[in-house]
C-alpha atoms as a PDB file:
ATOM      1  CA  MET A   1     -23.597  11.664 -17.362  1.00  0.00           C
ATOM      2  CA  LYS A   2     -19.936  10.951 -18.038  1.00  0.00           C
ATOM      3  CA  ILE A   3     -17.465   8.437 -16.608  1.00  0.00           C
ATOM      4  CA  VAL A   4     -13.702   8.201 -17.105  1.00  0.00           C
ATOM      5  CA  ILE A   5     -11.930   4.908 -16.421  1.00  0.00           C
ATOM      6  CA  THR A   6      -8.211   4.195 -16.690  1.00  0.00           C
ATOM      7  CA  GLY A   7      -7.043   0.776 -17.851  1.00  0.00           C
ATOM      8  CA  ALA A   8     -10.495  -0.198 -19.035  1.00  0.00           C
ATOM      9  CA  THR A   9     -10.216  -2.590 -21.988  1.00  0.00           C
ATOM     10  CA  LYS A  10     -10.058  -5.744 -19.860  1.00  0.00           C
ATOM     11  CA  GLY A  11     -11.006  -7.212 -16.500  1.00  0.00           C
ATOM     12  CA  ILE A  12     -12.501  -4.989 -13.805  1.00  0.00           C
ATOM     13  CA  GLY A  13     -12.095  -1.768 -15.772  1.00  0.00           C
ATOM     14  CA  ARG A  14     -13.932  -3.219 -18.768  1.00  0.00           C
ATOM     15  CA  ALA A  15     -16.723  -4.533 -16.538  1.00  0.00           C
ATOM     16  CA  ILE A  16     -17.199  -1.095 -14.967  1.00  0.00           C
ATOM     17  CA  ALA A  17     -17.270   0.534 -18.395  1.00  0.00           C
ATOM     18  CA  GLU A  18     -19.866  -1.996 -19.558  1.00  0.00           C
ATOM     19  CA  LYS A  19     -22.108  -1.405 -16.532  1.00  0.00           C
ATOM     20  CA  PHE A  20     -22.094   2.381 -16.777  1.00  0.00           C
ATOM     21  CA  ALA A  21     -22.464   2.343 -20.564  1.00  0.00           C
ATOM     22  CA  ALA A  22     -25.485   0.075 -20.204  1.00  0.00           C
ATOM     23  CA  GLU A  23     -26.952   2.684 -17.834  1.00  0.00           C
ATOM     24  CA  GLY A  24     -26.538   5.423 -20.450  1.00  0.00           C
ATOM     25  CA  PHE A  25     -23.240   7.019 -19.397  1.00  0.00           C
ATOM     26  CA  ASP A  26     -20.825   8.434 -21.939  1.00  0.00           C
ATOM     27  CA  VAL A  27     -17.530   6.613 -21.427  1.00  0.00           C
ATOM     28  CA  ALA A  28     -13.889   7.700 -21.750  1.00  0.00           C
ATOM     29  CA  VAL A  29     -11.269   4.984 -21.393  1.00  0.00           C
ATOM     30  CA  CYS A  30      -7.561   4.518 -21.903  1.00  0.00           C
ATOM     31  CA  ALA A  31      -5.208   1.588 -22.239  1.00  0.00           C
ATOM     32  CA  ARG A  32      -1.746   0.984 -23.649  1.00  0.00           C
ATOM     33  CA  SER A  33      -3.018  -1.024 -26.630  1.00  0.00           C
ATOM     34  CA  ALA A  34      -4.599   0.986 -29.447  1.00  0.00           C
ATOM     35  CA  ALA A  35      -5.978  -2.247 -30.917  1.00  0.00           C
ATOM     36  CA  ASP A  36      -7.755  -3.144 -27.670  1.00  0.00           C
ATOM     37  CA  LEU A  37      -9.220   0.343 -27.503  1.00  0.00           C
ATOM     38  CA  GLN A  38     -10.499   0.071 -31.056  1.00  0.00           C
ATOM     39  CA  ASP A  39     -12.144  -3.265 -30.237  1.00  0.00           C
ATOM     40  CA  LEU A  40     -13.840  -1.732 -27.198  1.00  0.00           C
ATOM     41  CA  ARG A  41     -15.032   1.291 -29.157  1.00  0.00           C
ATOM     42  CA  GLN A  42     -16.573  -0.890 -31.880  1.00  0.00           C
ATOM     43  CA  ALA A  43     -18.229  -3.206 -29.356  1.00  0.00           C
ATOM     44  CA  PHE A  44     -19.711  -0.336 -27.359  1.00  0.00           C
ATOM     45  CA  GLN A  45     -20.942   1.512 -30.438  1.00  0.00           C
ATOM     46  CA  GLN A  46     -22.843  -1.599 -31.454  1.00  0.00           C
ATOM     47  CA  LYS A  47     -24.227  -2.446 -27.995  1.00  0.00           C
ATOM     48  CA  TYR A  48     -24.840   1.094 -26.709  1.00  0.00           C
ATOM     49  CA  PRO A  49     -25.490   3.283 -29.777  1.00  0.00           C
ATOM     50  CA  GLY A  50     -26.832   6.188 -27.748  1.00  0.00           C
ATOM     51  CA  ILE A  51     -23.611   6.944 -25.853  1.00  0.00           C
ATOM     52  CA  GLU A  52     -20.339   8.650 -26.709  1.00  0.00           C
ATOM     53  CA  VAL A  53     -17.129   6.627 -26.383  1.00  0.00           C
ATOM     54  CA  LEU A  54     -13.759   8.351 -26.077  1.00  0.00           C
ATOM     55  CA  THR A  55     -10.563   6.308 -26.305  1.00  0.00           C
ATOM     56  CA  ILE A  56      -6.890   7.170 -26.310  1.00  0.00           C
ATOM     57  CA  ALA A  57      -3.762   5.033 -26.069  1.00  0.00           C
ATOM     58  CA  THR A  58      -2.037   5.896 -22.789  1.00  0.00           C
ATOM     59  CA  ASP A  59       0.858   4.545 -20.765  1.00  0.00           C
ATOM     60  CA  MET A  60      -0.225   5.377 -17.224  1.00  0.00           C
ATOM     61  CA  ARG A  61       3.366   5.005 -15.976  1.00  0.00           C
ATOM     62  CA  LYS A  62       4.238   8.196 -17.848  1.00  0.00           C
ATOM     63  CA  LYS A  63       3.082  11.478 -16.346  1.00  0.00           C
ATOM     64  CA  ALA A  64       3.001  13.163 -19.752  1.00  0.00           C
ATOM     65  CA  ASP A  65       0.636  10.476 -21.068  1.00  0.00           C
ATOM     66  CA  VAL A  66      -1.569  10.768 -17.988  1.00  0.00           C
ATOM     67  CA  LEU A  67      -1.886  14.529 -18.376  1.00  0.00           C
ATOM     68  CA  ALA A  68      -2.541  14.166 -22.114  1.00  0.00           C
ATOM     69  CA  PHE A  69      -5.457  11.823 -21.378  1.00  0.00           C
ATOM     70  CA  ALA A  70      -6.857  14.305 -18.855  1.00  0.00           C
ATOM     71  CA  ASP A  71      -6.557  17.164 -21.356  1.00  0.00           C
ATOM     72  CA  PHE A  72      -8.270  15.052 -24.007  1.00  0.00           C
ATOM     73  CA  VAL A  73     -11.201  14.403 -21.674  1.00  0.00           C
ATOM     74  CA  LYS A  74     -11.521  18.039 -20.598  1.00  0.00           C
ATOM     75  CA  LYS A  75     -11.377  19.350 -24.162  1.00  0.00           C
ATOM     76  CA  SER A  76     -13.909  16.766 -25.340  1.00  0.00           C
ATOM     77  CA  TRP A  77     -16.391  17.032 -22.476  1.00  0.00           C
ATOM     78  CA  GLY A  78     -15.521  19.851 -20.147  1.00  0.00           C
ATOM     79  CA  GLY A  79     -16.865  17.984 -17.110  1.00  0.00           C
ATOM     80  CA  VAL A  80     -16.724  14.552 -15.510  1.00  0.00           C
ATOM     81  CA  ASP A  81     -19.230  12.897 -13.150  1.00  0.00           C
ATOM     82  CA  VAL A  82     -17.377   9.713 -12.238  1.00  0.00           C
ATOM     83  CA  LEU A  83     -13.641   9.005 -12.228  1.00  0.00           C
ATOM     84  CA  VAL A  84     -12.355   5.468 -11.748  1.00  0.00           C
ATOM     85  CA  ASN A  85      -8.616   5.138 -11.180  1.00  0.00           C
ATOM     86  CA  ASN A  86      -8.371   1.513 -12.210  1.00  0.00           C
ATOM     87  CA  ALA A  87      -5.064   1.247 -14.095  1.00  0.00           C
ATOM     88  CA  GLY A  88      -2.665  -1.044 -12.298  1.00  0.00           C
ATOM     89  CA  ILE A  89      -0.051  -3.737 -12.609  1.00  0.00           C
ATOM     90  CA  PHE A  90       0.830  -6.750 -10.494  1.00  0.00           C
ATOM     91  CA  VAL A  91       4.281  -8.322 -10.558  1.00  0.00           C
ATOM     92  CA  SER A  92       5.018 -10.833  -7.833  1.00  0.00           C
ATOM     93  CA  GLY A  93       8.201 -10.757  -5.809  1.00  0.00           C
ATOM     94  CA  GLU A  94       9.761 -10.426  -2.393  1.00  0.00           C
ATOM     95  CA  ILE A  95      11.368  -7.178  -1.291  1.00  0.00           C
ATOM     96  CA  CYS A  96      14.679  -8.881  -0.602  1.00  0.00           C
ATOM     97  CA  GLY A  97      14.842 -10.544  -4.004  1.00  0.00           C
ATOM     98  CA  GLU A  98      12.676  -8.775  -6.568  1.00  0.00           C
ATOM     99  CA  ALA A  99      14.252  -7.131  -9.591  1.00  0.00           C
ATOM    100  CA  ASP A 100      15.717  -3.667  -9.247  1.00  0.00           C
ATOM    101  CA  GLY A 101      13.201  -1.081 -10.467  1.00  0.00           C
ATOM    102  CA  LEU A 102      10.117  -3.164  -9.693  1.00  0.00           C
ATOM    103  CA  LEU A 103       9.038  -0.865  -6.879  1.00  0.00           C
ATOM    104  CA  GLU A 104       9.288   2.168  -9.160  1.00  0.00           C
ATOM    105  CA  GLN A 105       7.328   0.392 -11.904  1.00  0.00           C
ATOM    106  CA  GLN A 106       4.436  -0.521  -9.629  1.00  0.00           C
ATOM    107  CA  ILE A 107       4.384   2.764  -7.720  1.00  0.00           C
ATOM    108  CA  GLU A 108       4.309   4.703 -10.992  1.00  0.00           C
ATOM    109  CA  THR A 109       1.473   2.599 -12.384  1.00  0.00           C
ATOM    110  CA  ASN A 110      -0.602   1.932  -9.276  1.00  0.00           C
ATOM    111  CA  LEU A 111      -0.153   5.187  -7.352  1.00  0.00           C
ATOM    112  CA  TYR A 112       1.367   8.050  -9.326  1.00  0.00           C
ATOM    113  CA  SER A 113      -1.041   7.555 -12.223  1.00  0.00           C
ATOM    114  CA  ALA A 114      -4.038   8.013  -9.911  1.00  0.00           C
ATOM    115  CA  TYR A 115      -2.417  10.979  -8.180  1.00  0.00           C
ATOM    116  CA  HIS A 116      -1.598  12.884 -11.372  1.00  0.00           C
ATOM    117  CA  PHE A 117      -4.828  12.003 -13.183  1.00  0.00           C
ATOM    118  CA  THR A 118      -7.020  12.979 -10.243  1.00  0.00           C
ATOM    119  CA  ARG A 119      -5.202  16.287  -9.789  1.00  0.00           C
ATOM    120  CA  ALA A 120      -5.669  17.030 -13.488  1.00  0.00           C
ATOM    121  CA  LEU A 121      -9.433  16.367 -13.475  1.00  0.00           C
ATOM    122  CA  LEU A 122     -10.290  17.761 -10.052  1.00  0.00           C
ATOM    123  CA  PRO A 123     -10.642  21.382 -11.216  1.00  0.00           C
ATOM    124  CA  VAL A 124     -13.619  20.542 -13.447  1.00  0.00           C
ATOM    125  CA  MET A 125     -15.240  18.495 -10.682  1.00  0.00           C
ATOM    126  CA  LEU A 126     -14.679  21.234  -8.116  1.00  0.00           C
ATOM    127  CA  ALA A 127     -16.152  23.814 -10.476  1.00  0.00           C
ATOM    128  CA  LYS A 128     -19.302  21.720 -10.718  1.00  0.00           C
ATOM    129  CA  GLY A 129     -19.369  20.967  -6.992  1.00  0.00           C
ATOM    130  CA  SER A 130     -20.108  17.283  -7.490  1.00  0.00           C
ATOM    131  CA  GLY A 131     -18.578  14.034  -8.659  1.00  0.00           C
ATOM    132  CA  HIS A 132     -17.419  10.644  -7.450  1.00  0.00           C
ATOM    133  CA  ILE A 133     -13.863   9.296  -7.462  1.00  0.00           C
ATOM    134  CA  PHE A 134     -13.259   5.553  -7.171  1.00  0.00           C
ATOM    135  CA  ASN A 135      -9.760   4.229  -6.513  1.00  0.00           C
ATOM    136  CA  MET A 136      -9.172   0.575  -7.290  1.00  0.00           C
ATOM    137  CA  CYS A 137      -7.199  -0.583  -4.282  1.00  0.00           C
ATOM    138  CA  SER A 138      -6.940  -4.229  -3.198  1.00  0.00           C
ATOM    139  CA  ILE A 139      -7.182  -6.588  -0.269  1.00  0.00           C
ATOM    140  CA  ALA A 140      -3.407  -6.114  -0.446  1.00  0.00           C
ATOM    141  CA  SER A 141      -4.075  -2.552   0.725  1.00  0.00           C
ATOM    142  CA  LEU A 142      -4.975  -4.045   4.114  1.00  0.00           C
ATOM    143  CA  MET A 143      -2.553  -6.898   4.613  1.00  0.00           C
ATOM    144  CA  ALA A 144       0.685  -8.297   3.219  1.00  0.00           C
ATOM    145  CA  TYR A 145       0.725 -11.482   1.157  1.00  0.00           C
ATOM    146  CA  PRO A 146       3.548 -13.860   0.246  1.00  0.00           C
ATOM    147  CA  ASN A 147       5.263 -12.611  -2.918  1.00  0.00           C
ATOM    148  CA  GLY A 148       3.303  -9.370  -2.677  1.00  0.00           C
ATOM    149  CA  GLY A 149       6.430  -7.230  -2.330  1.00  0.00           C
ATOM    150  CA  SER A 150       6.290  -3.896  -4.099  1.00  0.00           C
ATOM    151  CA  TYR A 151       2.715  -4.459  -5.268  1.00  0.00           C
ATOM    152  CA  THR A 152       1.488  -4.467  -1.680  1.00  0.00           C
ATOM    153  CA  ILE A 153       3.459  -1.323  -0.917  1.00  0.00           C
ATOM    154  CA  SER A 154       1.845   0.457  -3.865  1.00  0.00           C
ATOM    155  CA  LYS A 155      -1.660  -0.621  -2.868  1.00  0.00           C
ATOM    156  CA  PHE A 156      -1.197   0.427   0.756  1.00  0.00           C
ATOM    157  CA  ALA A 157      -0.170   3.820  -0.618  1.00  0.00           C
ATOM    158  CA  LEU A 158      -3.211   4.023  -2.909  1.00  0.00           C
ATOM    159  CA  LEU A 159      -5.512   3.454   0.052  1.00  0.00           C
ATOM    160  CA  GLY A 160      -3.695   6.235   1.900  1.00  0.00           C
ATOM    161  CA  PHE A 161      -4.184   8.497  -1.105  1.00  0.00           C
ATOM    162  CA  SER A 162      -7.904   7.671  -1.034  1.00  0.00           C
ATOM    163  CA  LYS A 163      -8.189   8.552   2.650  1.00  0.00           C
ATOM    164  CA  VAL A 164      -6.480  11.903   2.142  1.00  0.00           C
ATOM    165  CA  LEU A 165      -8.712  12.714  -0.835  1.00  0.00           C
ATOM    166  CA  ARG A 166     -11.796  11.844   1.178  1.00  0.00           C
ATOM    167  CA  GLU A 167     -10.849  14.293   3.917  1.00  0.00           C
ATOM    168  CA  GLU A 168      -9.961  17.057   1.486  1.00  0.00           C
ATOM    169  CA  LEU A 169     -13.074  16.752  -0.676  1.00  0.00           C
ATOM    170  CA  LYS A 170     -15.893  15.884   1.712  1.00  0.00           C
ATOM    171  CA  THR A 171     -16.968  19.527   2.044  1.00  0.00           C
ATOM    172  CA  LYS A 172     -16.669  20.105  -1.717  1.00  0.00           C
ATOM    173  CA  GLY A 173     -19.522  17.846  -2.825  1.00  0.00           C
ATOM    174  CA  ILE A 174     -17.146  15.224  -4.261  1.00  0.00           C
ATOM    175  CA  LYS A 175     -17.305  11.646  -3.010  1.00  0.00           C
ATOM    176  CA  VAL A 176     -14.287   9.350  -2.711  1.00  0.00           C
ATOM    177  CA  THR A 177     -14.565   5.572  -2.490  1.00  0.00           C
ATOM    178  CA  ALA A 178     -11.785   3.015  -2.181  1.00  0.00           C
ATOM    179  CA  ILE A 179     -12.602  -0.365  -3.714  1.00  0.00           C
ATOM    180  CA  LEU A 180     -10.681  -3.264  -2.136  1.00  0.00           C
ATOM    181  CA  PRO A 181     -11.362  -6.454  -4.100  1.00  0.00           C
ATOM    182  CA  GLY A 182      -9.881  -9.844  -3.420  1.00  0.00           C
ATOM    183  CA  ALA A 183      -9.107 -12.393  -6.128  1.00  0.00           C
ATOM    184  CA  THR A 184     -11.102 -11.545  -9.247  1.00  0.00           C
ATOM    185  CA  TRP A 185     -10.896 -13.135 -12.669  1.00  0.00           C
ATOM    186  CA  SER A 186      -8.779 -10.804 -14.795  1.00  0.00           C
ATOM    187  CA  ASP A 187      -5.485 -10.869 -16.697  1.00  0.00           C
ATOM    188  CA  SER A 188      -3.624 -11.062 -13.390  1.00  0.00           C
ATOM    189  CA  TRP A 189      -5.238 -14.451 -12.752  1.00  0.00           C
ATOM    190  CA  GLY A 190      -5.218 -15.674 -16.332  1.00  0.00           C
ATOM    191  CA  GLY A 191      -4.457 -19.393 -16.474  1.00  0.00           C
ATOM    192  CA  ALA A 192      -4.867 -19.880 -12.722  1.00  0.00           C
ATOM    193  CA  ASP A 193      -5.824 -23.455 -11.883  1.00  0.00           C
ATOM    194  CA  TYR A 194      -8.983 -22.771  -9.884  1.00  0.00           C
ATOM    195  CA  PRO A 195     -12.658 -23.498 -10.492  1.00  0.00           C
ATOM    196  CA  GLU A 196     -14.395 -20.472 -11.982  1.00  0.00           C
ATOM    197  CA  SER A 197     -16.514 -20.130  -8.841  1.00  0.00           C
ATOM    198  CA  ARG A 198     -13.446 -19.796  -6.569  1.00  0.00           C
ATOM    199  CA  LEU A 199     -12.669 -16.256  -7.746  1.00  0.00           C
ATOM    200  CA  MET A 200     -15.050 -13.336  -8.086  1.00  0.00           C
ATOM    201  CA  GLN A 201     -16.283 -12.078 -11.419  1.00  0.00           C
ATOM    202  CA  ALA A 202     -15.256  -8.638 -12.641  1.00  0.00           C
ATOM    203  CA  SER A 203     -18.963  -7.852 -12.965  1.00  0.00           C
ATOM    204  CA  ASP A 204     -19.285  -8.236  -9.182  1.00  0.00           C
ATOM    205  CA  ILE A 205     -16.872  -5.339  -8.689  1.00  0.00           C
ATOM    206  CA  ALA A 206     -18.658  -3.265 -11.314  1.00  0.00           C
ATOM    207  CA  LEU A 207     -21.961  -3.792  -9.514  1.00  0.00           C
ATOM    208  CA  ALA A 208     -20.415  -2.601  -6.237  1.00  0.00           C
ATOM    209  CA  VAL A 209     -19.149   0.568  -7.937  1.00  0.00           C
ATOM    210  CA  TRP A 210     -22.542   1.219  -9.503  1.00  0.00           C
ATOM    211  CA  SER A 211     -24.340   0.692  -6.188  1.00  0.00           C
ATOM    212  CA  ALA A 212     -22.058   3.148  -4.390  1.00  0.00           C
ATOM    213  CA  TRP A 213     -22.565   5.717  -7.142  1.00  0.00           C
ATOM    214  CA  GLN A 214     -26.370   5.525  -6.844  1.00  0.00           C
ATOM    215  CA  MET A 215     -26.538   6.747  -3.253  1.00  0.00           C
ATOM    216  CA  SER A 216     -27.944  10.164  -2.406  1.00  0.00           C
ATOM    217  CA  PRO A 217     -25.639  13.214  -2.171  1.00  0.00           C
ATOM    218  CA  SER A 218     -25.776  12.975   1.631  1.00  0.00           C
ATOM    219  CA  ALA A 219     -24.189   9.501   1.772  1.00  0.00           C
ATOM    220  CA  VAL A 220     -20.855   8.042   0.678  1.00  0.00           C
ATOM    221  CA  VAL A 221     -19.347   4.586   0.953  1.00  0.00           C
ATOM    222  CA  GLU A 222     -15.763   5.286   1.951  1.00  0.00           C
ATOM    223  CA  GLU A 223     -14.407   1.750   1.497  1.00  0.00           C
ATOM    224  CA  ILE A 224     -15.776  -1.423  -0.061  1.00  0.00           C
ATOM    225  CA  VAL A 225     -14.046  -4.692   0.820  1.00  0.00           C
ATOM    226  CA  ILE A 226     -15.079  -7.550  -1.460  1.00  0.00           C
ATOM    227  CA  ARG A 227     -13.788 -11.099  -1.102  1.00  0.00           C
ATOM    228  CA  PRO A 228     -14.572 -14.432  -2.738  1.00  0.00           C
ATOM    229  CA  GLN A 229     -17.218 -16.334  -0.789  1.00  0.00           C
ATOM    230  CA  LEU A 230     -14.628 -18.936   0.266  1.00  0.00           C
ATOM    231  CA  GLY A 231     -12.182 -16.244   1.364  1.00  0.00           C
ATOM    232  CA  ASP A 232      -8.743 -15.166   0.203  1.00  0.00           C
ATOM    233  CA  LEU A 233      -6.555 -17.448  -1.861  1.00  0.00           C
END
C-alpha cells in the first residue's frame, strides 16, 4: 500500500507518515526543506526498513512544483492508495489590516496546492477504482477566529473543496474525508505558553486518519472534528 502526504516533515504530516509507515505503507512526502526531507528519509529507513520512502523538495505554493511532485510519484509508483493534502501555512492577521498579498499566499498554499495535486493524482486512483483522499482542514473551516483573517478564508474554501470532491467521487470508489483539528502541537504553536496537555498531540490526528482509512469500502467518514478536551483556545 502507498500513501502520499504533502508537507510531511513536521507536525501533523510527520505524525501521519509515521503511523502509516509503522503499518507497512510505502511513503512519499514533500516539504520545502531538502535537509528536513533527508532527515526524515534516514529516520524512516532505520525505523521501517521494509518500506520505500520517496522524498522531493517542493514549494506547494507553486503549481509547477506541485505537478512535478505528482509526476514523480506516478513515475515511481504508478498508483496511490491514500492521499493526504496536509501542506498549509498560518499567518495571523485581520482582513482590514493584514499585509497585501497575504490572502494570495495562504490561498495558494492551503487551497490551490490541494486542488492541483489532487487533480494530478486522481487519474491513477480512478483507473484503480479505489483510494482515499484526506484534506487537512481546520476548526477554522467552521468558524471565524480573532486574527484568523485570510487563513480562515482559505480553510473554509478547503472544506468546500472537500465537499465537492466527495460528491464527485462517491460513485467512483474513492473516499474523501475532511479532517478538522483544533489546536495541535506543531510549528504553528511553537513556543506557545500552554501546558502540554492543553493542546492535542499530532499523533492524535494521525490516529483519526488511520481509523477512517481502516473502514470497509461501504463506509466513509466525511468529516472528523477533533478538539482539545478543554475546548478551543
